[in-house]
Amino acid sequence: MTQAAARNVAGDRRPPSRGDQQRALIIDAVTDLLRTVSITDMSVLRIAKHAGVSRPAFYFYFESKYSVVAAALEQVWTEIDQETSELTSYDNQEPPADFTIRMIDGAVAVWRRNAHLLNACAQSRDTDAQLRAMWDAFIGNLEHKLVAFIQPQVDSHHMRPASADLPTLIGVLVAMTVAVLREETTATDTAAATRNMAAVRQVWLTAVWGTGIR
């Protein structure tokens, strides 16, 4: 995972800085371990050993394993934020379908690069209150950004969403997309996974921009 500038995270004792290799190693160790170990079963000692740092070095940067996961999630959010930055400057010159698909594909590419981290967090949110809060904030930030993009388009009559309740509509669409991406991680039929994602794109186009768009 590439290290990116992140917002403040509870329990993150040292904000990311260029050249801070130990902090990056700890975050990378957690995301790597999540390929085979659940967050609940992961210990600070195991993370430190996997990262090649001491326990005191771990605690120099983070208060707990959950703080590391939160920092990793913030990095993913920063990547998604960068991939979807044009949502704040769309000028209706690019065809809506092309623009929407480009934004979706950019966010999906980030998810796929960080699938083990995101899937582990999504899976654990139902059993761990701290992870639930972290995950809900992560998804909530994305949904808020999308609603902020869509509402002015509706007001200027460029969009005809399927529902006037934009927060709920976007919440449903994001949940649908996340479900498809989570299933994709374990899918063995790549052709079916490709068709599923094509369907997701079309649902977004129709539900957000209005029927008839191609």
C-alpha atoms as a PDB file:
ATOM      1  CA  MET A   1       0.000   0.000   0.000  1.00  0.00           C
ATOM      2  CA  THR A   2       1.362   3.407  -0.834  1.00  0.00           C
ATOM      3  CA  GLN A   3       1.679   5.851   2.012  1.00  0.00           C
ATOM      4  CA  ALA A   4      -0.507   8.935   1.585  1.00  0.00           C
ATOM      5  CA  ALA A   5      -1.297  11.969   3.633  1.00  0.00           C
ATOM      6  CA  ALA A   6      -4.086  11.167   6.092  1.00  0.00           C
ATOM      7  CA  ARG A   7      -6.361  13.066   8.398  1.00  0.00           C
ATOM      8  CA  ASN A   8      -5.918  12.779  12.144  1.00  0.00           C
ATOM      9  CA  VAL A   9      -6.822   9.332  13.472  1.00  0.00           C
ATOM     10  CA  ALA A  10      -7.522   8.539  17.119  1.00  0.00           C
ATOM     11  CA  GLY A  11      -4.621   6.585  18.534  1.00  0.00           C
ATOM     12  CA  ASP A  12      -2.258   7.520  15.710  1.00  0.00           C
ATOM     13  CA  ARG A  13       0.521   9.074  17.763  1.00  0.00           C
ATOM     14  CA  ARG A  14       2.789  10.180  14.911  1.00  0.00           C
ATOM     15  CA  PRO A  15       1.250  11.651  11.753  1.00  0.00           C
ATOM     16  CA  PRO A  16       2.741  10.275   8.533  1.00  0.00           C
ATOM     17  CA  SER A  17       5.891  11.984   7.360  1.00  0.00           C
ATOM     18  CA  ARG A  18       8.131  11.451   4.371  1.00  0.00           C
ATOM     19  CA  GLY A  19      10.845   8.910   5.028  1.00  0.00           C
ATOM     20  CA  ASP A  20       9.189   7.485   8.166  1.00  0.00           C
ATOM     21  CA  GLN A  21       9.799   3.852   7.263  1.00  0.00           C
ATOM     22  CA  GLN A  22       8.853   2.222  10.560  1.00  0.00           C
ATOM     23  CA  ARG A  23       5.348   3.690  10.560  1.00  0.00           C
ATOM     24  CA  ALA A  24       4.836   2.535   6.974  1.00  0.00           C
ATOM     25  CA  LEU A  25       6.181  -0.946   7.821  1.00  0.00           C
ATOM     26  CA  ILE A  26       3.670  -1.319  10.660  1.00  0.00           C
ATOM     27  CA  ILE A  27       0.730  -0.374   8.434  1.00  0.00           C
ATOM     28  CA  ASP A  28       1.955  -2.656   5.652  1.00  0.00           C
ATOM     29  CA  ALA A  29       2.364  -5.501   8.154  1.00  0.00           C
ATOM     30  CA  VAL A  30      -1.245  -5.205   9.286  1.00  0.00           C
ATOM     31  CA  THR A  31      -2.629  -5.136   5.749  1.00  0.00           C
ATOM     32  CA  ASP A  32      -0.457  -8.127   4.821  1.00  0.00           C
ATOM     33  CA  LEU A  33      -1.477 -10.137   7.891  1.00  0.00           C
ATOM     34  CA  LEU A  34      -5.134  -9.523   7.128  1.00  0.00           C
ATOM     35  CA  ARG A  35      -4.779 -11.873   4.185  1.00  0.00           C
ATOM     36  CA  THR A  36      -4.687 -14.800   6.618  1.00  0.00           C
ATOM     37  CA  VAL A  37      -5.498 -13.465  10.112  1.00  0.00           C
ATOM     38  CA  SER A  38      -8.643 -11.730  11.364  1.00  0.00           C
ATOM     39  CA  ILE A  39      -8.304  -8.368  13.069  1.00  0.00           C
ATOM     40  CA  THR A  40      -9.640  -9.869  16.301  1.00  0.00           C
ATOM     41  CA  ASP A  41      -6.955 -12.583  16.354  1.00  0.00           C
ATOM     42  CA  MET A  42      -4.117 -10.236  15.462  1.00  0.00           C
ATOM     43  CA  SER A  43      -1.837  -9.207  18.341  1.00  0.00           C
ATOM     44  CA  VAL A  44       0.468  -6.221  18.644  1.00  0.00           C
ATOM     45  CA  LEU A  45       3.406  -8.588  19.124  1.00  0.00           C
ATOM     46  CA  ARG A  46       2.600 -10.426  15.910  1.00  0.00           C
ATOM     47  CA  ILE A  47       2.268  -7.143  14.005  1.00  0.00           C
ATOM     48  CA  ALA A  48       5.584  -5.899  15.370  1.00  0.00           C
ATOM     49  CA  LYS A  49       7.388  -9.119  14.430  1.00  0.00           C
ATOM     50  CA  HIS A  50       5.876  -9.109  10.948  1.00  0.00           C
ATOM     51  CA  ALA A  51       6.929  -5.487  10.494  1.00  0.00           C
ATOM     52  CA  GLY A  52      10.413  -6.128  11.856  1.00  0.00           C
ATOM     53  CA  VAL A  53      10.068  -3.550  14.623  1.00  0.00           C
ATOM     54  CA  SER A  54      10.008  -3.747  18.414  1.00  0.00           C
ATOM     55  CA  ARG A  55       6.882  -3.478  20.582  1.00  0.00           C
ATOM     56  CA  PRO A  56       8.086  -0.105  21.938  1.00  0.00           C
ATOM     57  CA  ALA A  57       8.484   1.089  18.350  1.00  0.00           C
ATOM     58  CA  PHE A  58       4.907  -0.007  17.624  1.00  0.00           C
ATOM     59  CA  TYR A  59       3.579   1.948  20.594  1.00  0.00           C
ATOM     60  CA  PHE A  60       5.693   4.942  19.631  1.00  0.00           C
ATOM     61  CA  TYR A  61       3.426   5.269  16.573  1.00  0.00           C
ATOM     62  CA  PHE A  62       0.113   3.680  17.548  1.00  0.00           C
ATOM     63  CA  GLU A  63      -1.949   3.078  20.680  1.00  0.00           C
ATOM     64  CA  SER A  64      -3.416  -0.232  19.461  1.00  0.00           C
ATOM     65  CA  LYS A  65      -3.880  -2.520  16.468  1.00  0.00           C
ATOM     66  CA  TYR A  66      -7.172  -0.739  15.775  1.00  0.00           C
ATOM     67  CA  SER A  67      -5.327   2.559  15.444  1.00  0.00           C
ATOM     68  CA  VAL A  68      -3.183   0.971  12.725  1.00  0.00           C
ATOM     69  CA  VAL A  69      -6.270  -0.300  10.906  1.00  0.00           C
ATOM     70  CA  ALA A  70      -7.804   3.161  11.178  1.00  0.00           C
ATOM     71  CA  ALA A  71      -4.652   4.723   9.718  1.00  0.00           C
ATOM     72  CA  ALA A  72      -4.695   2.189   6.878  1.00  0.00           C
ATOM     73  CA  LEU A  73      -8.357   2.985   6.183  1.00  0.00           C
ATOM     74  CA  GLU A  74      -7.525   6.680   6.096  1.00  0.00           C
ATOM     75  CA  GLN A  75      -4.881   5.985   3.473  1.00  0.00           C
ATOM     76  CA  VAL A  76      -7.471   4.148   1.380  1.00  0.00           C
ATOM     77  CA  TRP A  77      -9.913   7.015   1.792  1.00  0.00           C
ATOM     78  CA  THR A  78      -7.222   9.432   0.629  1.00  0.00           C
ATOM     79  CA  GLU A  79      -6.674   7.317  -2.483  1.00  0.00           C
ATOM     80  CA  ILE A  80     -10.412   7.217  -3.213  1.00  0.00           C
ATOM     81  CA  ASP A  81     -10.596  10.958  -2.573  1.00  0.00           C
ATOM     82  CA  GLN A  82      -7.877  11.498  -5.163  1.00  0.00           C
ATOM     83  CA  GLU A  83      -9.469   9.154  -7.711  1.00  0.00           C
ATOM     84  CA  THR A  84     -12.829  10.935  -7.401  1.00  0.00           C
ATOM     85  CA  SER A  85     -11.528  14.503  -7.038  1.00  0.00           C
ATOM     86  CA  GLU A  86     -13.224  15.584 -10.277  1.00  0.00           C
ATOM     87  CA  LEU A  87     -16.617  15.192  -8.624  1.00  0.00           C
ATOM     88  CA  THR A  88     -16.126  18.741  -7.339  1.00  0.00           C
ATOM     89  CA  SER A  89     -15.382  20.197 -10.774  1.00  0.00           C
ATOM     90  CA  TYR A  90     -17.599  18.329 -13.250  1.00  0.00           C
ATOM     91  CA  ASP A  91     -18.756  20.834 -15.885  1.00  0.00           C
ATOM     92  CA  ASN A  92     -21.220  18.681 -17.868  1.00  0.00           C
ATOM     93  CA  GLN A  93     -18.939  18.798 -20.920  1.00  0.00           C
ATOM     94  CA  GLU A  94     -17.936  15.143 -20.647  1.00  0.00           C
ATOM     95  CA  PRO A  95     -20.812  12.730 -21.425  1.00  0.00           C
ATOM     96  CA  PRO A  96     -22.471  11.719 -18.109  1.00  0.00           C
ATOM     97  CA  ALA A  97     -22.030   8.007 -18.773  1.00  0.00           C
ATOM     98  CA  ASP A  98     -18.310   8.395 -19.504  1.00  0.00           C
ATOM     99  CA  PHE A  99     -17.747  10.553 -16.429  1.00  0.00           C
ATOM    100  CA  THR A 100     -19.724   8.292 -14.093  1.00  0.00           C
ATOM    101  CA  ILE A 101     -18.008   5.131 -15.269  1.00  0.00           C
ATOM    102  CA  ARG A 102     -14.595   6.787 -14.924  1.00  0.00           C
ATOM    103  CA  MET A 103     -15.343   7.799 -11.329  1.00  0.00           C
ATOM    104  CA  ILE A 104     -16.723   4.348 -10.453  1.00  0.00           C
ATOM    105  CA  ASP A 105     -13.785   2.548 -12.049  1.00  0.00           C
ATOM    106  CA  GLY A 106     -11.303   4.762 -10.231  1.00  0.00           C
ATOM    107  CA  ALA A 107     -12.842   3.991  -6.839  1.00  0.00           C
ATOM    108  CA  VAL A 108     -13.186   0.293  -7.686  1.00  0.00           C
ATOM    109  CA  ALA A 109      -9.497   0.116  -8.624  1.00  0.00           C
ATOM    110  CA  VAL A 110      -8.575   1.471  -5.180  1.00  0.00           C
ATOM    111  CA  TRP A 111     -10.829  -1.103  -3.513  1.00  0.00           C
ATOM    112  CA  ARG A 112      -9.264  -3.950  -5.465  1.00  0.00           C
ATOM    113  CA  ARG A 113      -5.753  -2.837  -4.488  1.00  0.00           C
ATOM    114  CA  ASN A 114      -6.793  -2.855  -0.826  1.00  0.00           C
ATOM    115  CA  ALA A 115      -9.365  -5.654  -0.915  1.00  0.00           C
ATOM    116  CA  HIS A 116      -7.983  -7.689   2.010  1.00  0.00           C
ATOM    117  CA  LEU A 117      -8.013  -4.696   4.362  1.00  0.00           C
ATOM    118  CA  LEU A 118     -11.454  -3.483   3.318  1.00  0.00           C
ATOM    119  CA  ASN A 119     -13.061  -6.922   3.303  1.00  0.00           C
ATOM    120  CA  ALA A 120     -11.632  -7.698   6.747  1.00  0.00           C
ATOM    121  CA  CYS A 121     -13.008  -4.440   8.147  1.00  0.00           C
ATOM    122  CA  ALA A 122     -16.407  -4.966   6.539  1.00  0.00           C
ATOM    123  CA  GLN A 123     -16.581  -8.528   7.851  1.00  0.00           C
ATOM    124  CA  SER A 124     -15.592  -7.555  11.390  1.00  0.00           C
ATOM    125  CA  ARG A 125     -17.888  -4.537  11.723  1.00  0.00           C
ATOM    126  CA  ASP A 126     -20.782  -6.730  12.898  1.00  0.00           C
ATOM    127  CA  THR A 127     -18.844  -8.127  15.865  1.00  0.00           C
ATOM    128  CA  ASP A 128     -16.554  -5.269  16.902  1.00  0.00           C
ATOM    129  CA  ALA A 129     -17.935  -1.876  17.933  1.00  0.00           C
ATOM    130  CA  GLN A 130     -14.684  -0.010  17.282  1.00  0.00           C
ATOM    131  CA  LEU A 131     -14.332  -1.427  13.790  1.00  0.00           C
ATOM    132  CA  ARG A 132     -18.002  -0.709  13.141  1.00  0.00           C
ATOM    133  CA  ALA A 133     -17.472   2.964  13.946  1.00  0.00           C
ATOM    134  CA  MET A 134     -14.355   3.107  11.753  1.00  0.00           C
ATOM    135  CA  TRP A 135     -16.049   1.389   8.823  1.00  0.00           C
ATOM    136  CA  ASP A 136     -19.224   3.469   9.077  1.00  0.00           C
ATOM    137  CA  ALA A 137     -17.163   6.666   9.093  1.00  0.00           C
ATOM    138  CA  PHE A 138     -15.222   5.456   6.028  1.00  0.00           C
ATOM    139  CA  ILE A 139     -18.385   4.658   4.058  1.00  0.00           C
ATOM    140  CA  GLY A 140     -20.179   7.728   5.409  1.00  0.00           C
ATOM    141  CA  ASN A 141     -17.446  10.027   4.099  1.00  0.00           C
ATOM    142  CA  LEU A 142     -17.789   8.548   0.626  1.00  0.00           C
ATOM    143  CA  GLU A 143     -21.586   8.781   0.629  1.00  0.00           C
ATOM    144  CA  HIS A 144     -21.468  12.402   1.813  1.00  0.00           C
ATOM    145  CA  LYS A 145     -19.106  13.319  -1.017  1.00  0.00           C
ATOM    146  CA  LEU A 146     -21.385  11.697  -3.593  1.00  0.00           C
ATOM    147  CA  VAL A 147     -24.501  13.442  -2.275  1.00  0.00           C
ATOM    148  CA  ALA A 148     -22.636  16.767  -2.326  1.00  0.00           C
ATOM    149  CA  PHE A 149     -21.843  16.152  -6.001  1.00  0.00           C
ATOM    150  CA  ILE A 150     -25.333  15.031  -6.998  1.00  0.00           C
ATOM    151  CA  GLN A 151     -27.506  17.636  -5.268  1.00  0.00           C
ATOM    152  CA  PRO A 152     -26.320  20.627  -7.372  1.00  0.00           C
ATOM    153  CA  GLN A 153     -26.790  18.510 -10.509  1.00  0.00           C
ATOM    154  CA  VAL A 154     -30.375  17.813  -9.459  1.00  0.00           C
ATOM    155  CA  ASP A 155     -30.984  21.471  -8.662  1.00  0.00           C
ATOM    156  CA  SER A 156     -29.767  22.458 -12.139  1.00  0.00           C
ATOM    157  CA  HIS A 157     -31.928  19.721 -13.734  1.00  0.00           C
ATOM    158  CA  HIS A 158     -28.974  17.759 -15.098  1.00  0.00           C
ATOM    159  CA  MET A 159     -29.899  14.690 -13.075  1.00  0.00           C
ATOM    160  CA  ARG A 160     -33.153  12.846 -12.484  1.00  0.00           C
ATOM    161  CA  PRO A 161     -32.372  10.425  -9.662  1.00  0.00           C
ATOM    162  CA  ALA A 162     -34.609   7.456  -8.963  1.00  0.00           C
ATOM    163  CA  SER A 163     -35.398   8.841  -5.492  1.00  0.00           C
ATOM    164  CA  ALA A 164     -35.624  12.333  -4.036  1.00  0.00           C
ATOM    165  CA  ASP A 165     -34.102  10.941  -0.835  1.00  0.00           C
ATOM    166  CA  LEU A 166     -30.514  11.220  -2.038  1.00  0.00           C
ATOM    167  CA  PRO A 167     -28.713  10.050   1.123  1.00  0.00           C
ATOM    168  CA  THR A 168     -30.765   6.841   1.190  1.00  0.00           C
ATOM    169  CA  LEU A 169     -30.402   6.274  -2.554  1.00  0.00           C
ATOM    170  CA  ILE A 170     -26.630   6.720  -2.427  1.00  0.00           C
ATOM    171  CA  GLY A 171     -26.413   4.518   0.661  1.00  0.00           C
ATOM    172  CA  VAL A 172     -28.196   1.705  -1.195  1.00  0.00           C
ATOM    173  CA  LEU A 173     -26.018   2.092  -4.290  1.00  0.00           C
ATOM    174  CA  VAL A 174     -22.795   2.120  -2.267  1.00  0.00           C
ATOM    175  CA  ALA A 175     -23.935  -0.950  -0.294  1.00  0.00           C
ATOM    176  CA  MET A 176     -24.705  -2.744  -3.564  1.00  0.00           C
ATOM    177  CA  THR A 177     -21.287  -1.913  -4.969  1.00  0.00           C
ATOM    178  CA  VAL A 178     -19.483  -2.991  -1.794  1.00  0.00           C
ATOM    179  CA  ALA A 179     -21.379  -6.308  -1.787  1.00  0.00           C
ATOM    180  CA  VAL A 180     -20.373  -7.016  -5.388  1.00  0.00           C
ATOM    181  CA  LEU A 181     -16.743  -6.134  -4.669  1.00  0.00           C
ATOM    182  CA  ARG A 182     -16.627  -8.313  -1.559  1.00  0.00           C
ATOM    183  CA  GLU A 183     -18.027 -11.257  -3.499  1.00  0.00           C
ATOM    184  CA  GLU A 184     -15.523 -10.616  -6.273  1.00  0.00           C
ATOM    185  CA  THR A 185     -12.618 -11.267  -3.893  1.00  0.00           C
ATOM    186  CA  THR A 186     -13.557 -14.934  -3.507  1.00  0.00           C
ATOM    187  CA  ALA A 187     -15.123 -15.474  -6.938  1.00  0.00           C
ATOM    188  CA  THR A 188     -13.609 -18.075  -9.231  1.00  0.00           C
ATOM    189  CA  ASP A 189     -15.697 -17.118 -12.264  1.00  0.00           C
ATOM    190  CA  THR A 190     -13.986 -13.976 -13.551  1.00  0.00           C
ATOM    191  CA  ALA A 191     -16.443 -13.630 -16.434  1.00  0.00           C
ATOM    192  CA  ALA A 192     -19.361 -13.514 -13.990  1.00  0.00           C
ATOM    193  CA  ALA A 193     -17.512 -10.958 -11.858  1.00  0.00           C
ATOM    194  CA  THR A 194     -17.014  -8.780 -14.939  1.00  0.00           C
ATOM    195  CA  ARG A 195     -20.723  -8.998 -15.788  1.00  0.00           C
ATOM    196  CA  ASN A 196     -21.664  -8.135 -12.214  1.00  0.00           C
ATOM    197  CA  MET A 197     -19.536  -4.992 -12.266  1.00  0.00           C
ATOM    198  CA  ALA A 198     -20.970  -3.991 -15.657  1.00  0.00           C
ATOM    199  CA  ALA A 199     -24.445  -4.292 -14.122  1.00  0.00           C
ATOM    200  CA  VAL A 200     -23.353  -2.162 -11.160  1.00  0.00           C
ATOM    201  CA  ARG A 201     -22.216   0.601 -13.519  1.00  0.00           C
ATOM    202  CA  GLN A 202     -25.537   0.566 -15.370  1.00  0.00           C
ATOM    203  CA  VAL A 203     -27.531   0.682 -12.131  1.00  0.00           C
ATOM    204  CA  TRP A 204     -25.550   3.742 -11.017  1.00  0.00           C
ATOM    205  CA  LEU A 205     -26.145   5.459 -14.359  1.00  0.00           C
ATOM    206  CA  THR A 206     -29.872   4.798 -14.391  1.00  0.00           C
ATOM    207  CA  ALA A 207     -30.519   5.426 -10.679  1.00  0.00           C
ATOM    208  CA  VAL A 208     -28.501   8.647 -10.422  1.00  0.00           C
ATOM    209  CA  TRP A 209     -28.702  10.340 -13.827  1.00  0.00           C
ATOM    210  CA  GLY A 210     -32.151   9.116 -14.818  1.00  0.00           C
ATOM    211  CA  THR A 211     -33.719   6.543 -17.073  1.00  0.00           C
ATOM    212  CA  GLY A 212     -32.715   6.461 -20.713  1.00  0.00           C
ATOM    213  CA  ILE A 213     -29.054   7.404 -20.242  1.00  0.00           C
ATOM    214  CA  ARG A 214     -26.554   5.267 -22.131  1.00  0.00           C
END
